Amino acid sequence: MKTLTKEELKKLYDKDFPLWAEINLELLKEKAYELVDWENLLEEIEDMARSDLKACISYLAVILEHLYKWDNFRHLTKGGKEKGGIGWIRSIELARGELEALMEIYPSLKEKVPQNMNSAWKMAVPKILHSAQDLGKKITKKALPEDCPYTYEQAMTRDLRKELKP
């Protein structure tokens, strides 16, 4: 392998990421620590650590979005309160399953996910606004709660199937 300077390696990060990663791996294996692109490597490790938390927050946002739509827009769906929103229930159940699976695989996320309810809510709000518009309900962002209106426990355990009317 051609020897690169630290500056050439840093430039490679933007030009050819897979090659950058391969070279840094080789440098680490060879214990050539002084040549490693530490700045970008540390950033990549930090991003890796955050990626699973981001996925969890995304699943939580889906849950919050559909809980809110269930509570506030179900009467606008075809079939009214009796039949409307069954797709939202399914979506909540699937997102809960994915979220629980990730937390089982990565136990440290069990503490972090509940701390991100407001982040998940902020992700849910634009989708709620879009859905409201699709259902013919005109609302603005100001009409929605600024902070998440649900607790983590409600998001993860509320059984909407029990709220379905026969």
Protein backbone atom coordinates (compact mmCIF):
# COMPACT_ATOMS: atom_id res chain seq x y z
CA MET A 1 0.00 0.00 0.00
CA LYS A 2 1.28 3.44 -0.93
CA THR A 3 2.14 5.51 2.11
CA LEU A 4 0.02 8.64 2.42
CA THR A 5 0.66 11.73 4.44
CA LYS A 6 -1.86 12.69 7.12
CA GLU A 7 -3.10 15.52 4.91
CA GLU A 8 -3.57 13.19 1.92
CA LEU A 9 -5.45 10.77 4.14
CA LYS A 10 -7.71 13.56 5.41
CA LYS A 11 -8.50 14.56 1.80
CA LEU A 12 -9.25 10.94 0.96
CA TYR A 13 -12.00 10.97 3.60
CA ASP A 14 -14.18 13.14 1.32
CA LYS A 15 -13.02 11.67 -1.98
CA ASP A 16 -13.10 7.90 -1.33
CA PHE A 17 -14.52 7.00 2.07
CA PRO A 18 -14.18 3.19 1.70
CA LEU A 19 -10.49 3.53 0.83
CA TRP A 20 -10.04 6.02 3.70
CA ALA A 21 -11.56 3.50 6.11
CA GLU A 22 -9.46 0.63 4.74
CA ILE A 23 -6.23 2.61 5.10
CA ASN A 24 -7.05 3.75 8.64
CA LEU A 25 -7.88 0.16 9.61
CA GLU A 26 -4.55 -0.99 8.24
CA LEU A 27 -2.73 1.80 10.10
CA LEU A 28 -4.43 0.79 13.34
CA LYS A 29 -3.56 -2.87 12.83
CA GLU A 30 0.05 -1.88 12.21
CA LYS A 31 -0.06 0.39 15.29
CA ALA A 32 0.99 3.33 13.13
CA TYR A 33 -1.09 5.62 15.34
CA GLU A 34 0.74 8.79 14.33
CA LEU A 35 -0.53 8.39 10.72
CA VAL A 36 -4.20 7.72 11.56
CA ASP A 37 -6.74 10.40 10.62
CA TRP A 38 -7.95 10.67 14.22
CA GLU A 39 -10.21 13.67 13.70
CA ASN A 40 -12.40 11.99 11.10
CA LEU A 41 -12.10 8.56 12.72
CA LEU A 42 -13.42 9.86 16.04
CA GLU A 43 -16.24 11.62 14.23
CA GLU A 44 -17.17 8.37 12.47
CA ILE A 45 -17.17 6.44 15.76
CA GLU A 46 -19.38 9.11 17.31
CA ASP A 47 -21.78 8.88 14.35
CA MET A 48 -21.88 5.08 14.67
CA ALA A 49 -22.79 5.40 18.33
CA ARG A 50 -25.60 7.80 17.47
CA SER A 51 -27.05 5.91 14.51
CA ASP A 52 -28.94 3.33 16.56
CA LEU A 53 -30.25 6.02 18.91
CA LYS A 54 -31.43 7.98 15.85
CA ALA A 55 -33.25 4.88 14.61
CA CYS A 56 -34.93 4.50 18.00
CA ILE A 57 -35.99 8.14 18.04
CA SER A 58 -37.39 7.71 14.55
CA TYR A 59 -39.50 4.72 15.65
CA LEU A 60 -40.64 6.70 18.67
CA ALA A 61 -41.64 9.57 16.37
CA VAL A 62 -43.83 7.19 14.36
CA ILE A 63 -45.50 6.03 17.56
CA LEU A 64 -46.14 9.60 18.74
CA GLU A 65 -47.40 10.68 15.32
CA HIS A 66 -49.94 7.90 15.15
CA LEU A 67 -51.02 8.21 18.77
CA TYR A 68 -51.73 11.87 18.18
CA LYS A 69 -53.58 11.19 14.95
CA TRP A 70 -55.60 8.47 16.71
CA ASP A 71 -56.57 10.86 19.49
CA ASN A 72 -57.31 13.85 17.29
CA PHE A 73 -58.09 12.83 13.72
CA ARG A 74 -59.73 9.41 13.93
CA HIS A 75 -63.17 10.96 13.55
CA LEU A 76 -62.05 12.35 10.18
CA THR A 77 -61.13 8.96 8.72
CA LYS A 78 -63.40 6.81 6.60
CA GLY A 79 -65.75 4.98 8.91
CA GLY A 80 -65.53 7.55 11.70
CA LYS A 81 -64.53 6.65 15.24
CA GLU A 82 -65.54 3.01 14.93
CA LYS A 83 -63.28 1.96 12.05
CA GLY A 84 -60.88 4.80 11.42
CA GLY A 85 -57.22 4.60 12.22
CA ILE A 86 -56.62 0.83 12.26
CA GLY A 87 -53.54 1.45 10.08
CA TRP A 88 -52.23 3.80 12.76
CA ILE A 89 -52.61 1.05 15.35
CA ARG A 90 -50.66 -1.37 13.18
CA SER A 91 -47.97 1.22 12.59
CA ILE A 92 -47.64 1.85 16.34
CA GLU A 93 -47.38 -1.86 17.05
CA LEU A 94 -44.72 -2.38 14.38
CA ALA A 95 -42.68 0.63 15.54
CA ARG A 96 -42.88 -0.55 19.15
CA GLY A 97 -41.61 -3.96 18.10
CA GLU A 98 -38.67 -2.48 16.19
CA LEU A 99 -37.85 -0.12 19.05
CA GLU A 100 -37.98 -2.90 21.64
CA ALA A 101 -35.79 -5.12 19.45
CA LEU A 102 -33.13 -2.41 19.12
CA MET A 103 -33.17 -1.81 22.87
CA GLU A 104 -32.81 -5.54 23.46
CA ILE A 105 -29.78 -5.66 21.17
CA TYR A 106 -28.29 -2.45 22.64
CA PRO A 107 -29.34 -2.23 26.31
CA SER A 108 -27.74 1.22 26.82
CA LEU A 109 -30.49 2.66 24.61
CA LYS A 110 -33.14 1.77 27.22
CA GLU A 111 -32.04 4.79 29.25
CA LYS A 112 -31.47 7.12 26.33
CA VAL A 113 -34.68 6.64 24.35
CA PRO A 114 -37.11 7.92 27.02
CA GLN A 115 -34.95 11.03 27.38
CA ASN A 116 -35.62 11.86 23.73
CA MET A 117 -39.41 12.15 23.77
CA ASN A 118 -39.35 15.82 22.77
CA SER A 119 -36.88 15.14 19.95
CA ALA A 120 -39.17 12.41 18.65
CA TRP A 121 -42.16 14.73 19.01
CA LYS A 122 -40.41 17.40 16.94
CA MET A 123 -39.91 14.78 14.21
CA ALA A 124 -43.58 13.76 14.41
CA VAL A 125 -45.07 17.26 14.15
CA PRO A 126 -44.48 17.86 10.39
CA LYS A 127 -46.02 14.47 9.60
CA ILE A 128 -49.02 15.25 11.81
CA LEU A 129 -49.49 18.57 10.01
CA HIS A 130 -49.27 16.87 6.62
CA SER A 131 -51.78 14.18 7.64
CA ALA A 132 -54.18 16.78 9.01
CA GLN A 133 -54.09 18.57 5.68
CA ASP A 134 -54.74 15.28 3.84
CA LEU A 135 -57.75 14.71 6.07
CA GLY A 136 -59.10 18.18 5.35
CA LYS A 137 -58.27 19.59 8.78
CA LYS A 138 -56.46 22.90 8.68
CA ILE A 139 -54.10 23.26 11.61
CA THR A 140 -50.84 25.06 12.14
CA LYS A 141 -47.74 24.09 14.05
CA LYS A 142 -48.81 26.54 16.77
CA ALA A 143 -51.99 24.52 17.28
CA LEU A 144 -49.94 21.48 18.31
CA PRO A 145 -48.31 21.12 21.72
CA GLU A 146 -44.74 22.39 21.79
CA ASP A 147 -43.67 19.58 24.11
CA CYS A 148 -44.62 15.96 23.65
CA PRO A 149 -48.15 15.38 24.99
CA TYR A 150 -47.43 11.73 25.84
CA THR A 151 -45.27 10.01 28.40
CA TYR A 152 -42.84 7.33 27.34
CA GLU A 153 -44.99 4.77 29.14
CA GLN A 154 -48.09 5.85 27.22
CA ALA A 155 -46.19 5.68 23.95
CA MET A 156 -44.97 2.18 24.63
CA THR A 157 -47.93 0.56 26.39
CA ARG A 158 -51.22 2.23 25.50
CA ASP A 159 -53.45 -0.40 23.92
CA LEU A 160 -55.45 1.30 21.19
CA ARG A 161 -57.12 -1.94 20.17
CA LYS A 162 -59.07 -1.75 23.43
CA GLU A 163 -60.29 1.65 22.34
CA LEU A 164 -61.77 0.31 19.10
CA LYS A 165 -65.53 0.21 19.18
CA PRO A 166 -67.10 -3.03 17.90
